Amino acid sequence: MSTHAEALIDVVRSLMRQRGIGVRELAGRMGQSPGNLGDKLKARRRWLYDDLWTLAEALDVSPVDLVRAVEHQRKSPVSA
């Protein structure tokens, strides 16, 4: 089982791959610098509560679906 932050990073990276967008594009959609978003995706900086809504909008998913995906990922066994 992973932490919520680790699960969020996994879900965001997966959605980015599915949509074919990189850090620069996602950061632009979120109104953040690529460095700031990159630090969050590397767990060097904490996600803010408001980031969930901004992420959901930028990735074209509902905040509820994003949180559900994070919770599902968090509870999934880690593959070795």
N, C-alpha and C. Protein backbone atom coordinates (compact mmCIF):
# COMPACT_ATOMS: atom_id res chain seq x y z
N MET A 1 0.85 -1.18 0.00
CA MET A 1 0.00 0.00 0.00
C MET A 1 0.89 1.24 0.00
N SER A 2 0.51 2.23 -0.79
CA SER A 2 1.31 3.45 -0.88
C SER A 2 0.61 4.59 -0.15
N THR A 3 1.33 5.68 0.01
CA THR A 3 0.73 6.86 0.62
C THR A 3 -0.17 7.55 -0.41
N HIS A 4 -0.99 8.46 0.07
CA HIS A 4 -1.85 9.20 -0.85
C HIS A 4 -1.02 10.01 -1.84
N ALA A 5 0.06 10.61 -1.39
CA ALA A 5 0.91 11.42 -2.27
C ALA A 5 1.53 10.55 -3.36
N GLU A 6 2.03 9.37 -2.99
CA GLU A 6 2.61 8.45 -3.98
C GLU A 6 1.55 8.00 -4.97
N ALA A 7 0.37 7.70 -4.47
CA ALA A 7 -0.72 7.26 -5.34
C ALA A 7 -1.14 8.38 -6.28
N LEU A 8 -1.19 9.60 -5.78
CA LEU A 8 -1.55 10.74 -6.63
C LEU A 8 -0.54 10.91 -7.75
N ILE A 9 0.73 10.80 -7.43
CA ILE A 9 1.78 10.91 -8.45
C ILE A 9 1.60 9.82 -9.50
N ASP A 10 1.36 8.59 -9.09
CA ASP A 10 1.16 7.48 -10.04
C ASP A 10 -0.05 7.75 -10.95
N VAL A 11 -1.14 8.21 -10.37
CA VAL A 11 -2.36 8.47 -11.14
C VAL A 11 -2.13 9.62 -12.11
N VAL A 12 -1.50 10.69 -11.65
CA VAL A 12 -1.26 11.84 -12.53
C VAL A 12 -0.35 11.44 -13.68
N ARG A 13 0.71 10.71 -13.39
CA ARG A 13 1.63 10.28 -14.47
C ARG A 13 0.90 9.37 -15.47
N SER A 14 0.05 8.50 -14.99
CA SER A 14 -0.72 7.62 -15.87
C SER A 14 -1.66 8.44 -16.76
N LEU A 15 -2.37 9.40 -16.18
CA LEU A 15 -3.27 10.24 -16.96
C LEU A 15 -2.50 11.09 -17.97
N MET A 16 -1.33 11.55 -17.60
CA MET A 16 -0.50 12.32 -18.53
C MET A 16 -0.11 11.45 -19.73
N ARG A 17 0.30 10.21 -19.45
CA ARG A 17 0.66 9.29 -20.54
C ARG A 17 -0.53 9.03 -21.44
N GLN A 18 -1.69 8.75 -20.84
CA GLN A 18 -2.91 8.46 -21.61
C GLN A 18 -3.28 9.63 -22.52
N ARG A 19 -3.04 10.84 -22.06
CA ARG A 19 -3.43 12.03 -22.81
C ARG A 19 -2.29 12.59 -23.67
N GLY A 20 -1.11 11.99 -23.54
CA GLY A 20 0.03 12.42 -24.34
C GLY A 20 0.51 13.83 -24.01
N ILE A 21 0.45 14.19 -22.73
CA ILE A 21 0.91 15.52 -22.35
C ILE A 21 2.09 15.41 -21.40
N GLY A 22 2.97 16.38 -21.49
CA GLY A 22 4.15 16.41 -20.64
C GLY A 22 4.00 17.37 -19.48
N VAL A 23 5.06 17.48 -18.71
CA VAL A 23 5.04 18.34 -17.52
C VAL A 23 4.81 19.79 -17.91
N ARG A 24 5.47 20.27 -18.95
CA ARG A 24 5.30 21.68 -19.35
C ARG A 24 3.85 21.99 -19.69
N GLU A 25 3.23 21.13 -20.48
CA GLU A 25 1.85 21.37 -20.88
C GLU A 25 0.91 21.32 -19.68
N LEU A 26 1.07 20.30 -18.84
CA LEU A 26 0.21 20.19 -17.66
C LEU A 26 0.41 21.38 -16.73
N ALA A 27 1.65 21.77 -16.53
CA ALA A 27 1.94 22.92 -15.67
C ALA A 27 1.26 24.18 -16.22
N GLY A 28 1.32 24.36 -17.53
CA GLY A 28 0.67 25.50 -18.15
C GLY A 28 -0.83 25.49 -17.93
N ARG A 29 -1.43 24.32 -18.08
CA ARG A 29 -2.87 24.18 -17.87
C ARG A 29 -3.25 24.48 -16.42
N MET A 30 -2.32 24.18 -15.51
CA MET A 30 -2.58 24.37 -14.08
C MET A 30 -2.20 25.77 -13.60
N GLY A 31 -1.51 26.53 -14.43
CA GLY A 31 -1.05 27.85 -14.00
C GLY A 31 0.13 27.78 -13.04
N GLN A 32 0.93 26.72 -13.18
CA GLN A 32 2.11 26.55 -12.33
C GLN A 32 3.35 26.50 -13.21
N SER A 33 4.49 26.70 -12.60
CA SER A 33 5.73 26.56 -13.35
C SER A 33 6.03 25.07 -13.53
N PRO A 34 6.69 24.71 -14.62
CA PRO A 34 7.07 23.31 -14.81
C PRO A 34 7.95 22.80 -13.66
N GLY A 35 8.80 23.66 -13.11
CA GLY A 35 9.66 23.26 -12.00
C GLY A 35 8.86 22.90 -10.76
N ASN A 36 7.85 23.70 -10.47
CA ASN A 36 6.99 23.44 -9.31
C ASN A 36 6.25 22.12 -9.48
N LEU A 37 5.64 21.93 -10.65
CA LEU A 37 4.92 20.68 -10.90
C LEU A 37 5.89 19.50 -10.91
N GLY A 38 7.05 19.68 -11.52
CA GLY A 38 8.05 18.61 -11.54
C GLY A 38 8.46 18.19 -10.14
N ASP A 39 8.63 19.16 -9.26
CA ASP A 39 8.98 18.85 -7.87
C ASP A 39 7.86 18.06 -7.19
N LYS A 40 6.62 18.39 -7.48
CA LYS A 40 5.49 17.64 -6.90
C LYS A 40 5.46 16.21 -7.44
N LEU A 41 5.75 16.07 -8.73
CA LEU A 41 5.75 14.74 -9.34
C LEU A 41 6.93 13.88 -8.90
N LYS A 42 7.94 14.52 -8.30
CA LYS A 42 9.10 13.79 -7.76
C LYS A 42 9.06 13.73 -6.24
N ALA A 43 7.93 14.15 -5.67
CA ALA A 43 7.71 14.13 -4.21
C ALA A 43 8.72 15.02 -3.46
N ARG A 44 9.20 16.04 -4.12
CA ARG A 44 10.09 17.01 -3.46
C ARG A 44 9.30 18.16 -2.86
N ARG A 45 8.07 18.29 -3.29
CA ARG A 45 7.19 19.36 -2.82
C ARG A 45 5.82 18.74 -2.60
N ARG A 46 5.12 19.23 -1.58
CA ARG A 46 3.80 18.68 -1.26
C ARG A 46 2.72 19.22 -2.18
N TRP A 47 1.74 18.36 -2.45
CA TRP A 47 0.57 18.78 -3.19
C TRP A 47 -0.33 19.58 -2.26
N LEU A 48 -0.97 20.58 -2.78
CA LEU A 48 -1.93 21.37 -2.03
C LEU A 48 -3.33 20.84 -2.30
N TYR A 49 -4.21 21.06 -1.37
CA TYR A 49 -5.61 20.64 -1.53
C TYR A 49 -6.18 21.20 -2.83
N ASP A 50 -5.93 22.47 -3.11
CA ASP A 50 -6.44 23.10 -4.33
C ASP A 50 -5.86 22.47 -5.60
N ASP A 51 -4.69 21.84 -5.49
CA ASP A 51 -4.09 21.18 -6.66
C ASP A 51 -5.00 20.08 -7.21
N LEU A 52 -5.75 19.42 -6.33
CA LEU A 52 -6.62 18.33 -6.79
C LEU A 52 -7.64 18.84 -7.80
N TRP A 53 -8.23 19.99 -7.52
CA TRP A 53 -9.23 20.54 -8.43
C TRP A 53 -8.57 21.05 -9.71
N THR A 54 -7.45 21.70 -9.57
CA THR A 54 -6.73 22.21 -10.74
C THR A 54 -6.25 21.06 -11.61
N LEU A 55 -5.73 20.01 -10.98
CA LEU A 55 -5.30 18.81 -11.71
C LEU A 55 -6.46 18.18 -12.46
N ALA A 56 -7.57 18.01 -11.77
CA ALA A 56 -8.74 17.37 -12.39
C ALA A 56 -9.17 18.15 -13.63
N GLU A 57 -9.26 19.46 -13.49
CA GLU A 57 -9.66 20.28 -14.63
C GLU A 57 -8.65 20.19 -15.77
N ALA A 58 -7.36 20.26 -15.43
CA ALA A 58 -6.30 20.22 -16.44
C ALA A 58 -6.23 18.87 -17.15
N LEU A 59 -6.62 17.81 -16.45
CA LEU A 59 -6.57 16.45 -17.03
C LEU A 59 -7.93 15.99 -17.54
N ASP A 60 -8.92 16.88 -17.47
CA ASP A 60 -10.26 16.61 -17.98
C ASP A 60 -10.92 15.41 -17.31
N VAL A 61 -10.82 15.37 -15.99
CA VAL A 61 -11.52 14.36 -15.18
C VAL A 61 -12.21 15.10 -14.04
N SER A 62 -13.21 14.48 -13.46
CA SER A 62 -13.86 15.13 -12.32
C SER A 62 -12.98 14.96 -11.09
N PRO A 63 -13.04 15.91 -10.16
CA PRO A 63 -12.27 15.76 -8.92
C PRO A 63 -12.63 14.46 -8.18
N VAL A 64 -13.89 14.08 -8.23
CA VAL A 64 -14.33 12.84 -7.56
C VAL A 64 -13.65 11.64 -8.20
N ASP A 65 -13.61 11.60 -9.53
CA ASP A 65 -12.96 10.48 -10.21
C ASP A 65 -11.46 10.45 -9.94
N LEU A 66 -10.85 11.62 -9.85
CA LEU A 66 -9.42 11.69 -9.54
C LEU A 66 -9.15 11.12 -8.15
N VAL A 67 -9.95 11.53 -7.18
CA VAL A 67 -9.76 11.04 -5.80
C VAL A 67 -10.02 9.54 -5.73
N ARG A 68 -11.04 9.07 -6.44
CA ARG A 68 -11.32 7.62 -6.47
C ARG A 68 -10.14 6.85 -7.05
N ALA A 69 -9.57 7.37 -8.13
CA ALA A 69 -8.43 6.70 -8.76
C ALA A 69 -7.23 6.66 -7.81
N VAL A 70 -7.03 7.75 -7.08
CA VAL A 70 -5.93 7.80 -6.11
C VAL A 70 -6.17 6.77 -5.00
N GLU A 71 -7.37 6.72 -4.50
CA GLU A 71 -7.68 5.76 -3.43
C GLU A 71 -7.53 4.32 -3.92
N HIS A 72 -7.97 4.06 -5.13
CA HIS A 72 -7.81 2.71 -5.71
C HIS A 72 -6.33 2.36 -5.85
N GLN A 73 -5.55 3.30 -6.37
CA GLN A 73 -4.11 3.09 -6.54
C GLN A 73 -3.43 2.88 -5.18
N ARG A 74 -3.83 3.66 -4.20
CA ARG A 74 -3.22 3.56 -2.86
C ARG A 74 -3.44 2.20 -2.25
N LYS A 75 -4.62 1.63 -2.47
CA LYS A 75 -4.95 0.35 -1.87
C LYS A 75 -4.45 -0.84 -2.68
N SER A 76 -4.00 -0.60 -3.90
CA SER A 76 -3.51 -1.68 -4.74
C SER A 76 -2.16 -2.17 -4.24
N PRO A 77 -1.95 -3.48 -4.30
CA PRO A 77 -0.64 -3.99 -3.89
C PRO A 77 0.45 -3.48 -4.83
N VAL A 78 1.57 -3.16 -4.25
CA VAL A 78 2.71 -2.67 -5.03
C VAL A 78 3.36 -3.86 -5.72
N SER A 79 3.57 -3.73 -7.05
CA SER A 79 4.23 -4.83 -7.76
C SER A 79 5.74 -4.67 -7.67
N ALA A 80 6.42 -5.77 -7.47
CA ALA A 80 7.87 -5.73 -7.31
C ALA A 80 8.59 -5.82 -8.62
